[in-house]
Amino acid sequence: GDQQSKTGLFPRLKAHNCSLLLISHQKDMVDSVGTSNLL
């Protein structure tokens, strides 16, 4: 859910004055550009 949703996890928490924090990984990618790799 989100701030505008009426259903979902966050709207349920919002009704109880409770916040939701998500932790996410940042993924490192490598692209080949010519003869070198771009990270």
PDB file of all heavy atoms in Angstrom:
ATOM      1  N   GLY A   1       0.832  -1.201   0.000  1.00  0.00           N
ATOM      2  CA  GLY A   1       0.000   0.000   0.000  1.00  0.00           C
ATOM      3  C   GLY A   1       0.869   1.253   0.000  1.00  0.00           C
ATOM      4  O   GLY A   1       2.094   1.186  -0.085  1.00  0.00           O
ATOM      5  N   ASP A   2       0.235   2.418   0.114  1.00  0.00           N
ATOM      6  CA  ASP A   2       0.969   3.680   0.182  1.00  0.00           C
ATOM      7  C   ASP A   2       0.113   4.734   0.868  1.00  0.00           C
ATOM      8  O   ASP A   2      -0.932   4.413   1.451  1.00  0.00           O
ATOM      9  CB  ASP A   2       1.417   4.145  -1.211  1.00  0.00           C
ATOM     10  CG  ASP A   2       0.266   4.312  -2.187  1.00  0.00           C
ATOM     11  OD1 ASP A   2      -0.854   4.653  -1.734  1.00  0.00           O
ATOM     12  OD2 ASP A   2       0.461   4.118  -3.395  1.00  0.00           O
ATOM     13  N   GLN A   3       0.538   5.994   0.801  1.00  0.00           N
ATOM     14  CA  GLN A   3      -0.165   7.073   1.498  1.00  0.00           C
ATOM     15  C   GLN A   3      -1.595   7.254   0.999  1.00  0.00           C
ATOM     16  O   GLN A   3      -2.473   7.687   1.749  1.00  0.00           O
ATOM     17  CB  GLN A   3       0.604   8.396   1.333  1.00  0.00           C
ATOM     18  CG  GLN A   3       1.937   8.439   2.059  1.00  0.00           C
ATOM     19  CD  GLN A   3       1.777   8.735   3.543  1.00  0.00           C
ATOM     20  OE1 GLN A   3       0.667   8.845   4.053  1.00  0.00           O
ATOM     21  NE2 GLN A   3       2.889   8.872   4.242  1.00  0.00           N
ATOM     22  N   GLN A   4      -1.830   6.964  -0.274  1.00  0.00           N
ATOM     23  CA  GLN A   4      -3.154   7.180  -0.850  1.00  0.00           C
ATOM     24  C   GLN A   4      -4.041   5.931  -0.805  1.00  0.00           C
ATOM     25  O   GLN A   4      -5.246   6.010  -1.034  1.00  0.00           O
ATOM     26  CB  GLN A   4      -3.032   7.645  -2.309  1.00  0.00           C
ATOM     27  CG  GLN A   4      -2.587   9.097  -2.478  1.00  0.00           C
ATOM     28  CD  GLN A   4      -1.115   9.307  -2.212  1.00  0.00           C
ATOM     29  OE1 GLN A   4      -0.287   8.499  -2.638  1.00  0.00           O
ATOM     30  NE2 GLN A   4      -0.763  10.369  -1.521  1.00  0.00           N
ATOM     31  N   SER A   5      -3.452   4.775  -0.546  1.00  0.00           N
ATOM     32  CA  SER A   5      -4.205   3.516  -0.581  1.00  0.00           C
ATOM     33  C   SER A   5      -5.147   3.393   0.613  1.00  0.00           C
ATOM     34  O   SER A   5      -4.907   3.953   1.682  1.00  0.00           O
ATOM     35  CB  SER A   5      -3.248   2.320  -0.588  1.00  0.00           C
ATOM     36  OG  SER A   5      -2.388   2.370  -1.695  1.00  0.00           O
ATOM     37  N   LYS A   6      -6.204   2.632   0.411  1.00  0.00           N
ATOM     38  CA  LYS A   6      -7.117   2.288   1.500  1.00  0.00           C
ATOM     39  C   LYS A   6      -6.890   0.858   1.977  1.00  0.00           C
ATOM     40  O   LYS A   6      -7.405   0.453   3.017  1.00  0.00           O
ATOM     41  CB  LYS A   6      -8.565   2.485   1.051  1.00  0.00           C
ATOM     42  CG  LYS A   6      -8.931   3.928   0.776  1.00  0.00           C
ATOM     43  CD  LYS A   6     -10.400   4.083   0.435  1.00  0.00           C
ATOM     44  CE  LYS A   6     -10.765   5.549   0.210  1.00  0.00           C
ATOM     45  NZ  LYS A   6     -12.200   5.722  -0.137  1.00  0.00           N
ATOM     46  N   THR A   7      -6.145   0.073   1.189  1.00  0.00           N
ATOM     47  CA  THR A   7      -5.830  -1.294   1.564  1.00  0.00           C
ATOM     48  C   THR A   7      -4.316  -1.501   1.496  1.00  0.00           C
ATOM     49  O   THR A   7      -3.605  -0.740   0.849  1.00  0.00           O
ATOM     50  CB  THR A   7      -6.521  -2.303   0.619  1.00  0.00           C
ATOM     51  OG1 THR A   7      -6.088  -2.053  -0.738  1.00  0.00           O
ATOM     52  CG2 THR A   7      -8.030  -2.170   0.689  1.00  0.00           C
ATOM     53  N   GLY A   8      -3.848  -2.533   2.153  1.00  0.00           N
ATOM     54  CA  GLY A   8      -2.423  -2.809   2.170  1.00  0.00           C
ATOM     55  C   GLY A   8      -1.845  -2.627   3.562  1.00  0.00           C
ATOM     56  O   GLY A   8      -2.530  -2.229   4.510  1.00  0.00           O
ATOM     57  N   LEU A   9      -0.567  -2.954   3.685  1.00  0.00           N
ATOM     58  CA  LEU A   9       0.101  -2.939   4.990  1.00  0.00           C
ATOM     59  C   LEU A   9       0.156  -1.540   5.603  1.00  0.00           C
ATOM     60  O   LEU A   9      -0.195  -1.350   6.765  1.00  0.00           O
ATOM     61  CB  LEU A   9       1.521  -3.494   4.814  1.00  0.00           C
ATOM     62  CG  LEU A   9       2.190  -4.112   6.038  1.00  0.00           C
ATOM     63  CD1 LEU A   9       1.354  -5.250   6.589  1.00  0.00           C
ATOM     64  CD2 LEU A   9       3.582  -4.594   5.664  1.00  0.00           C
ATOM     65  N   PHE A  10       0.601  -0.551   4.838  1.00  0.00           N
ATOM     66  CA  PHE A  10       0.772   0.786   5.407  1.00  0.00           C
ATOM     67  C   PHE A  10      -0.549   1.419   5.845  1.00  0.00           C
ATOM     68  O   PHE A  10      -0.606   2.006   6.937  1.00  0.00           O
ATOM     69  CB  PHE A  10       1.508   1.706   4.445  1.00  0.00           C
ATOM     70  CG  PHE A  10       1.673   3.092   4.988  1.00  0.00           C
ATOM     71  CD1 PHE A  10       2.432   3.314   6.135  1.00  0.00           C
ATOM     72  CD2 PHE A  10       1.066   4.175   4.392  1.00  0.00           C
ATOM     73  CE1 PHE A  10       2.586   4.587   6.663  1.00  0.00           C
ATOM     74  CE2 PHE A  10       1.212   5.447   4.911  1.00  0.00           C
ATOM     75  CZ  PHE A  10       1.972   5.657   6.048  1.00  0.00           C
ATOM     76  N   PRO A  11      -1.625   1.352   5.046  1.00  0.00           N
ATOM     77  CA  PRO A  11      -2.887   1.918   5.538  1.00  0.00           C
ATOM     78  C   PRO A  11      -3.341   1.304   6.861  1.00  0.00           C
ATOM     79  O   PRO A  11      -3.896   2.014   7.717  1.00  0.00           O
ATOM     80  CB  PRO A  11      -3.872   1.602   4.410  1.00  0.00           C
ATOM     81  CG  PRO A  11      -3.015   1.550   3.192  1.00  0.00           C
ATOM     82  CD  PRO A  11      -1.738   0.917   3.645  1.00  0.00           C
ATOM     83  N   ARG A  12      -3.099   0.005   7.045  1.00  0.00           N
ATOM     84  CA  ARG A  12      -3.439  -0.634   8.322  1.00  0.00           C
ATOM     85  C   ARG A  12      -2.616  -0.046   9.460  1.00  0.00           C
ATOM     86  O   ARG A  12      -3.128   0.224  10.555  1.00  0.00           O
ATOM     87  CB  ARG A  12      -3.200  -2.143   8.232  1.00  0.00           C
ATOM     88  CG  ARG A  12      -4.270  -2.912   7.475  1.00  0.00           C
ATOM     89  CD  ARG A  12      -3.861  -4.356   7.291  1.00  0.00           C
ATOM     90  NE  ARG A  12      -3.390  -4.943   8.524  1.00  0.00           N
ATOM     91  CZ  ARG A  12      -2.610  -6.020   8.586  1.00  0.00           C
ATOM     92  NH1 ARG A  12      -2.194  -6.607   7.467  1.00  0.00           N
ATOM     93  NH2 ARG A  12      -2.238  -6.518   9.745  1.00  0.00           N
ATOM     94  N   LEU A  13      -1.316   0.157   9.204  1.00  0.00           N
ATOM     95  CA  LEU A  13      -0.451   0.723  10.232  1.00  0.00           C
ATOM     96  C   LEU A  13      -0.800   2.184  10.505  1.00  0.00           C
ATOM     97  O   LEU A  13      -0.784   2.636  11.658  1.00  0.00           O
ATOM     98  CB  LEU A  13       1.011   0.619   9.781  1.00  0.00           C
ATOM     99  CG  LEU A  13       1.586  -0.789   9.696  1.00  0.00           C
ATOM    100  CD1 LEU A  13       2.982  -0.756   9.101  1.00  0.00           C
ATOM    101  CD2 LEU A  13       1.616  -1.449  11.067  1.00  0.00           C
ATOM    102  N   LYS A  14      -1.106   2.911   9.447  1.00  0.00           N
ATOM    103  CA  LYS A  14      -1.440   4.331   9.571  1.00  0.00           C
ATOM    104  C   LYS A  14      -2.647   4.533  10.479  1.00  0.00           C
ATOM    105  O   LYS A  14      -2.718   5.513  11.234  1.00  0.00           O
ATOM    106  CB  LYS A  14      -1.710   4.901   8.181  1.00  0.00           C
ATOM    107  CG  LYS A  14      -1.855   6.410   8.118  1.00  0.00           C
ATOM    108  CD  LYS A  14      -2.042   6.850   6.676  1.00  0.00           C
ATOM    109  CE  LYS A  14      -2.233   8.354   6.577  1.00  0.00           C
ATOM    110  NZ  LYS A  14      -2.455   8.778   5.168  1.00  0.00           N
ATOM    111  N   ALA A  15      -3.589   3.613  10.420  1.00  0.00           N
ATOM    112  CA  ALA A  15      -4.785   3.705  11.262  1.00  0.00           C
ATOM    113  C   ALA A  15      -4.439   3.594  12.748  1.00  0.00           C
ATOM    114  O   ALA A  15      -5.201   4.036  13.598  1.00  0.00           O
ATOM    115  CB  ALA A  15      -5.786   2.613  10.871  1.00  0.00           C
ATOM    116  N   HIS A  16      -3.275   3.004  13.036  1.00  0.00           N
ATOM    117  CA  HIS A  16      -2.813   2.876  14.428  1.00  0.00           C
ATOM    118  C   HIS A  16      -1.682   3.856  14.740  1.00  0.00           C
ATOM    119  O   HIS A  16      -0.949   3.654  15.711  1.00  0.00           O
ATOM    120  CB  HIS A  16      -2.342   1.434  14.680  1.00  0.00           C
ATOM    121  CG  HIS A  16      -3.435   0.421  14.590  1.00  0.00           C
ATOM    122  ND1 HIS A  16      -4.305   0.161  15.633  1.00  0.00           N
ATOM    123  CD2 HIS A  16      -3.812  -0.407  13.571  1.00  0.00           C
ATOM    124  CE1 HIS A  16      -5.163  -0.780  15.274  1.00  0.00           C
ATOM    125  NE2 HIS A  16      -4.885  -1.133  14.025  1.00  0.00           N
ATOM    126  N   ASN A  17      -1.536   4.901  13.905  1.00  0.00           N
ATOM    127  CA  ASN A  17      -0.495   5.908  14.078  1.00  0.00           C
ATOM    128  C   ASN A  17       0.899   5.273  14.100  1.00  0.00           C
ATOM    129  O   ASN A  17       1.761   5.634  14.897  1.00  0.00           O
ATOM    130  CB  ASN A  17      -0.721   6.713  15.362  1.00  0.00           C
ATOM    131  CG  ASN A  17      -0.012   8.055  15.336  1.00  0.00           C
ATOM    132  OD1 ASN A  17       0.095   8.685  14.292  1.00  0.00           O
ATOM    133  ND2 ASN A  17       0.486   8.489  16.485  1.00  0.00           N
ATOM    134  N   CYS A  18       1.084   4.308  13.213  1.00  0.00           N
ATOM    135  CA  CYS A  18       2.327   3.551  13.154  1.00  0.00           C
ATOM    136  C   CYS A  18       2.980   3.731  11.781  1.00  0.00           C
ATOM    137  O   CYS A  18       2.291   3.753  10.758  1.00  0.00           O
ATOM    138  CB  CYS A  18       2.031   2.073  13.411  1.00  0.00           C
ATOM    139  SG  CYS A  18       3.488   1.066  13.655  1.00  0.00           S
ATOM    140  N   SER A  19       4.295   3.878  11.745  1.00  0.00           N
ATOM    141  CA  SER A  19       5.030   4.109  10.507  1.00  0.00           C
ATOM    142  C   SER A  19       5.614   2.808   9.954  1.00  0.00           C
ATOM    143  O   SER A  19       5.789   1.828  10.679  1.00  0.00           O
ATOM    144  CB  SER A  19       6.154   5.119  10.738  1.00  0.00           C
ATOM    145  OG  SER A  19       5.636   6.353  11.178  1.00  0.00           O
ATOM    146  N   LEU A  20       5.947   2.845   8.656  1.00  0.00           N
ATOM    147  CA  LEU A  20       6.534   1.686   7.981  1.00  0.00           C
ATOM    148  C   LEU A  20       7.834   2.115   7.317  1.00  0.00           C
ATOM    149  O   LEU A  20       7.859   3.048   6.512  1.00  0.00           O
ATOM    150  CB  LEU A  20       5.569   1.126   6.927  1.00  0.00           C
ATOM    151  CG  LEU A  20       6.082  -0.037   6.071  1.00  0.00           C
ATOM    152  CD1 LEU A  20       6.376  -1.263   6.941  1.00  0.00           C
ATOM    153  CD2 LEU A  20       5.061  -0.394   4.991  1.00  0.00           C
ATOM    154  N   LEU A  21       8.925   1.429   7.659  1.00  0.00           N
ATOM    155  CA  LEU A  21      10.231   1.710   7.067  1.00  0.00           C
ATOM    156  C   LEU A  21      10.739   0.459   6.358  1.00  0.00           C
ATOM    157  O   LEU A  21      10.791  -0.619   6.950  1.00  0.00           O
ATOM    158  CB  LEU A  21      11.222   2.144   8.143  1.00  0.00           C
ATOM    159  CG  LEU A  21      12.634   2.475   7.666  1.00  0.00           C
ATOM    160  CD1 LEU A  21      12.615   3.668   6.716  1.00  0.00           C
ATOM    161  CD2 LEU A  21      13.554   2.753   8.847  1.00  0.00           C
ATOM    162  N   LEU A  22      11.105   0.616   5.080  1.00  0.00           N
ATOM    163  CA  LEU A  22      11.613  -0.491   4.277  1.00  0.00           C
ATOM    164  C   LEU A  22      13.112  -0.340   4.092  1.00  0.00           C
ATOM    165  O   LEU A  22      13.594   0.750   3.782  1.00  0.00           O
ATOM    166  CB  LEU A  22      10.923  -0.513   2.908  1.00  0.00           C
ATOM    167  CG  LEU A  22       9.393  -0.496   2.929  1.00  0.00           C
ATOM    168  CD1 LEU A  22       8.846  -0.262   1.532  1.00  0.00           C
ATOM    169  CD2 LEU A  22       8.846  -1.797   3.502  1.00  0.00           C
ATOM    170  N   ILE A  23      13.852  -1.433   4.286  1.00  0.00           N
ATOM    171  CA  ILE A  23      15.289  -1.436   4.020  1.00  0.00           C
ATOM    172  C   ILE A  23      15.514  -2.179   2.711  1.00  0.00           C
ATOM    173  O   ILE A  23      14.963  -3.253   2.490  1.00  0.00           O
ATOM    174  CB  ILE A  23      16.068  -2.121   5.157  1.00  0.00           C
ATOM    175  CG1 ILE A  23      15.918  -1.315   6.448  1.00  0.00           C
ATOM    176  CG2 ILE A  23      17.534  -2.279   4.803  1.00  0.00           C
ATOM    177  CD1 ILE A  23      16.613  -1.936   7.639  1.00  0.00           C
ATOM    178  N   SER A  24      16.316  -1.582   1.818  1.00  0.00           N
ATOM    179  CA  SER A  24      16.529  -2.190   0.506  1.00  0.00           C
ATOM    180  C   SER A  24      18.009  -2.160   0.150  1.00  0.00           C
ATOM    181  O   SER A  24      18.732  -1.232   0.513  1.00  0.00           O
ATOM    182  CB  SER A  24      15.716  -1.449  -0.561  1.00  0.00           C
ATOM    183  OG  SER A  24      15.892  -2.061  -1.828  1.00  0.00           O
ATOM    184  N   HIS A  25      18.447  -3.203  -0.568  1.00  0.00           N
ATOM    185  CA  HIS A  25      19.827  -3.258  -1.036  1.00  0.00           C
ATOM    186  C   HIS A  25      19.984  -2.441  -2.309  1.00  0.00           C
ATOM    187  O   HIS A  25      19.068  -2.361  -3.130  1.00  0.00           O
ATOM    188  CB  HIS A  25      20.245  -4.702  -1.326  1.00  0.00           C
ATOM    189  CG  HIS A  25      20.176  -5.590  -0.136  1.00  0.00           C
ATOM    190  ND1 HIS A  25      20.784  -5.285   1.054  1.00  0.00           N
ATOM    191  CD2 HIS A  25      19.553  -6.778   0.060  1.00  0.00           C
ATOM    192  CE1 HIS A  25      20.549  -6.244   1.925  1.00  0.00           C
ATOM    193  NE2 HIS A  25      19.800  -7.159   1.352  1.00  0.00           N
ATOM    194  N   GLN A  26      21.130  -1.840  -2.448  1.00  0.00           N
ATOM    195  CA  GLN A  26      21.505  -1.160  -3.686  1.00  0.00           C
ATOM    196  C   GLN A  26      22.401  -2.103  -4.469  1.00  0.00           C
ATOM    197  O   GLN A  26      23.435  -2.548  -3.964  1.00  0.00           O
ATOM    198  CB  GLN A  26      22.249   0.138  -3.361  1.00  0.00           C
ATOM    199  CG  GLN A  26      22.679   0.937  -4.567  1.00  0.00           C
ATOM    200  CD  GLN A  26      23.241   2.289  -4.151  1.00  0.00           C
ATOM    201  OE1 GLN A  26      22.522   3.127  -3.640  1.00  0.00           O
ATOM    202  NE2 GLN A  26      24.532   2.475  -4.342  1.00  0.00           N
ATOM    203  N   LYS A  27      22.004  -2.440  -5.674  1.00  0.00           N
ATOM    204  CA  LYS A  27      22.709  -3.461  -6.445  1.00  0.00           C
ATOM    205  C   LYS A  27      23.727  -2.828  -7.381  1.00  0.00           C
ATOM    206  O   LYS A  27      23.407  -1.929  -8.153  1.00  0.00           O
ATOM    207  CB  LYS A  27      21.700  -4.286  -7.251  1.00  0.00           C
ATOM    208  CG  LYS A  27      22.302  -5.482  -7.967  1.00  0.00           C
ATOM    209  CD  LYS A  27      21.221  -6.290  -8.672  1.00  0.00           C
ATOM    210  CE  LYS A  27      21.804  -7.491  -9.374  1.00  0.00           C
ATOM    211  NZ  LYS A  27      20.760  -8.266 -10.097  1.00  0.00           N
ATOM    212  N   ASP A  28      24.953  -3.313  -7.301  1.00  0.00           N
ATOM    213  CA  ASP A  28      26.008  -2.834  -8.198  1.00  0.00           C
ATOM    214  C   ASP A  28      25.955  -3.607  -9.514  1.00  0.00           C
ATOM    215  O   ASP A  28      25.865  -4.833  -9.531  1.00  0.00           O
ATOM    216  CB  ASP A  28      27.386  -3.019  -7.563  1.00  0.00           C
ATOM    217  CG  ASP A  28      27.601  -2.084  -6.384  1.00  0.00           C
ATOM    218  OD1 ASP A  28      26.994  -1.013  -6.386  1.00  0.00           O
ATOM    219  OD2 ASP A  28      28.361  -2.440  -5.467  1.00  0.00           O
ATOM    220  N   MET A  29      25.981  -2.885 -10.628  1.00  0.00           N
ATOM    221  CA  MET A  29      25.890  -3.484 -11.961  1.00  0.00           C
ATOM    222  C   MET A  29      27.141  -3.120 -12.757  1.00  0.00           C
ATOM    223  O   MET A  29      27.766  -2.095 -12.524  1.00  0.00           O
ATOM    224  CB  MET A  29      24.643  -2.971 -12.697  1.00  0.00           C
ATOM    225  CG  MET A  29      23.352  -3.097 -11.899  1.00  0.00           C
ATOM    226  SD  MET A  29      22.770  -4.787 -11.723  1.00  0.00           S
ATOM    227  CE  MET A  29      22.240  -5.108 -13.399  1.00  0.00           C
ATOM    228  N   VAL A  30      27.470  -3.978 -13.709  1.00  0.00           N
ATOM    229  CA  VAL A  30      28.622  -3.714 -14.562  1.00  0.00           C
ATOM    230  C   VAL A  30      28.174  -3.752 -16.019  1.00  0.00           C
ATOM    231  O   VAL A  30      27.547  -4.703 -16.466  1.00  0.00           O
ATOM    232  CB  VAL A  30      29.745  -4.748 -14.333  1.00  0.00           C
ATOM    233  CG1 VAL A  30      30.905  -4.489 -15.295  1.00  0.00           C
ATOM    234  CG2 VAL A  30      30.229  -4.707 -12.893  1.00  0.00           C
ATOM    235  N   ASP A  31      28.459  -2.673 -16.743  1.00  0.00           N
ATOM    236  CA  ASP A  31      28.171  -2.602 -18.170  1.00  0.00           C
ATOM    237  C   ASP A  31      29.485  -2.523 -18.943  1.00  0.00           C
ATOM    238  O   ASP A  31      30.409  -1.821 -18.523  1.00  0.00           O
ATOM    239  CB  ASP A  31      27.324  -1.358 -18.501  1.00  0.00           C
ATOM    240  CG  ASP A  31      25.835  -1.662 -18.445  1.00  0.00           C
ATOM    241  OD1 ASP A  31      25.498  -2.826 -18.197  1.00  0.00           O
ATOM    242  OD2 ASP A  31      25.043  -0.729 -18.627  1.00  0.00           O
ATOM    243  N   SER A  32      29.554  -3.234 -20.051  1.00  0.00           N
ATOM    244  CA  SER A  32      30.749  -3.148 -20.903  1.00  0.00           C
ATOM    245  C   SER A  32      30.612  -1.964 -21.841  1.00  0.00           C
ATOM    246  O   SER A  32      29.638  -1.867 -22.594  1.00  0.00           O
ATOM    247  CB  SER A  32      30.916  -4.434 -21.708  1.00  0.00           C
ATOM    248  OG  SER A  32      31.201  -5.523 -20.842  1.00  0.00           O
ATOM    249  N   VAL A  33      31.554  -1.039 -21.770  1.00  0.00           N
ATOM    250  CA  VAL A  33      31.557   0.134 -22.636  1.00  0.00           C
ATOM    251  C   VAL A  33      32.881   0.132 -23.395  1.00  0.00           C
ATOM    252  O   VAL A  33      33.934   0.461 -22.832  1.00  0.00           O
ATOM    253  CB  VAL A  33      31.397   1.440 -21.827  1.00  0.00           C
ATOM    254  CG1 VAL A  33      31.378   2.635 -22.769  1.00  0.00           C
ATOM    255  CG2 VAL A  33      30.137   1.392 -20.982  1.00  0.00           C
ATOM    256  N   GLY A  34      32.835  -0.263 -24.659  1.00  0.00           N
ATOM    257  CA  GLY A  34      34.073  -0.378 -25.432  1.00  0.00           C
ATOM    258  C   GLY A  34      34.946  -1.475 -24.859  1.00  0.00           C
ATOM    259  O   GLY A  34      34.537  -2.627 -24.730  1.00  0.00           O
ATOM    260  N   THR A  35      36.161  -1.116 -24.444  1.00  0.00           N
ATOM    261  CA  THR A  35      37.082  -2.102 -23.874  1.00  0.00           C
ATOM    262  C   THR A  35      37.133  -2.033 -22.353  1.00  0.00           C
ATOM    263  O   THR A  35      37.921  -2.737 -21.724  1.00  0.00           O
ATOM    264  CB  THR A  35      38.504  -1.858 -24.428  1.00  0.00           C
ATOM    265  OG1 THR A  35      38.894  -0.521 -24.109  1.00  0.00           O
ATOM    266  CG2 THR A  35      38.546  -2.071 -25.932  1.00  0.00           C
ATOM    267  N   SER A  36      36.304  -1.169 -21.768  1.00  0.00           N
ATOM    268  CA  SER A  36      36.328  -1.021 -20.306  1.00  0.00           C
ATOM    269  C   SER A  36      34.965  -1.358 -19.713  1.00  0.00           C
ATOM    270  O   SER A  36      33.955  -1.401 -20.416  1.00  0.00           O
ATOM    271  CB  SER A  36      36.726   0.404 -19.923  1.00  0.00           C
ATOM    272  OG  SER A  36      35.790   1.326 -20.429  1.00  0.00           O
ATOM    273  N   ASN A  37      34.952  -1.625 -18.424  1.00  0.00           N
ATOM    274  CA  ASN A  37      33.722  -1.910 -17.704  1.00  0.00           C
ATOM    275  C   ASN A  37      33.310  -0.696 -16.875  1.00  0.00           C
ATOM    276  O   ASN A  37      34.142  -0.084 -16.204  1.00  0.00           O
ATOM    277  CB  ASN A  37      33.894  -3.121 -16.782  1.00  0.00           C
ATOM    278  CG  ASN A  37      34.046  -4.409 -17.560  1.00  0.00           C
ATOM    279  OD1 ASN A  37      33.491  -4.538 -18.651  1.00  0.00           O
ATOM    280  ND2 ASN A  37      34.796  -5.353 -17.010  1.00  0.00           N
ATOM    281  N   LEU A  38      32.027  -0.360 -16.946  1.00  0.00           N
ATOM    282  CA  LEU A  38      31.488   0.775 -16.204  1.00  0.00           C
ATOM    283  C   LEU A  38      30.674   0.245 -15.030  1.00  0.00           C
ATOM    284  O   LEU A  38      29.721  -0.515 -15.209  1.00  0.00           O
ATOM    285  CB  LEU A  38      30.602   1.632 -17.114  1.00  0.00           C
ATOM    286  CG  LEU A  38      29.881   2.807 -16.447  1.00  0.00           C
ATOM    287  CD1 LEU A  38      30.894   3.840 -15.971  1.00  0.00           C
ATOM    288  CD2 LEU A  38      28.903   3.455 -17.425  1.00  0.00           C
ATOM    289  N   LEU A  39      31.089   0.619 -13.831  1.00  0.00           N
ATOM    290  CA  LEU A  39      30.389   0.184 -12.621  1.00  0.00           C
ATOM    291  C   LEU A  39      29.372   1.244 -12.207  1.00  0.00           C
ATOM    292  O   LEU A  39      29.703   2.416 -12.103  1.00  0.00           O
ATOM    293  CB  LEU A  39      31.389  -0.041 -11.478  1.00  0.00           C
ATOM    294  CG  LEU A  39      30.801  -0.466 -10.121  1.00  0.00           C
ATOM    295  CD1 LEU A  39      30.188  -1.860 -10.217  1.00  0.00           C
ATOM    296  CD2 LEU A  39      31.887  -0.435  -9.037  1.00  0.00           C
TER     297      LEU A  39
END
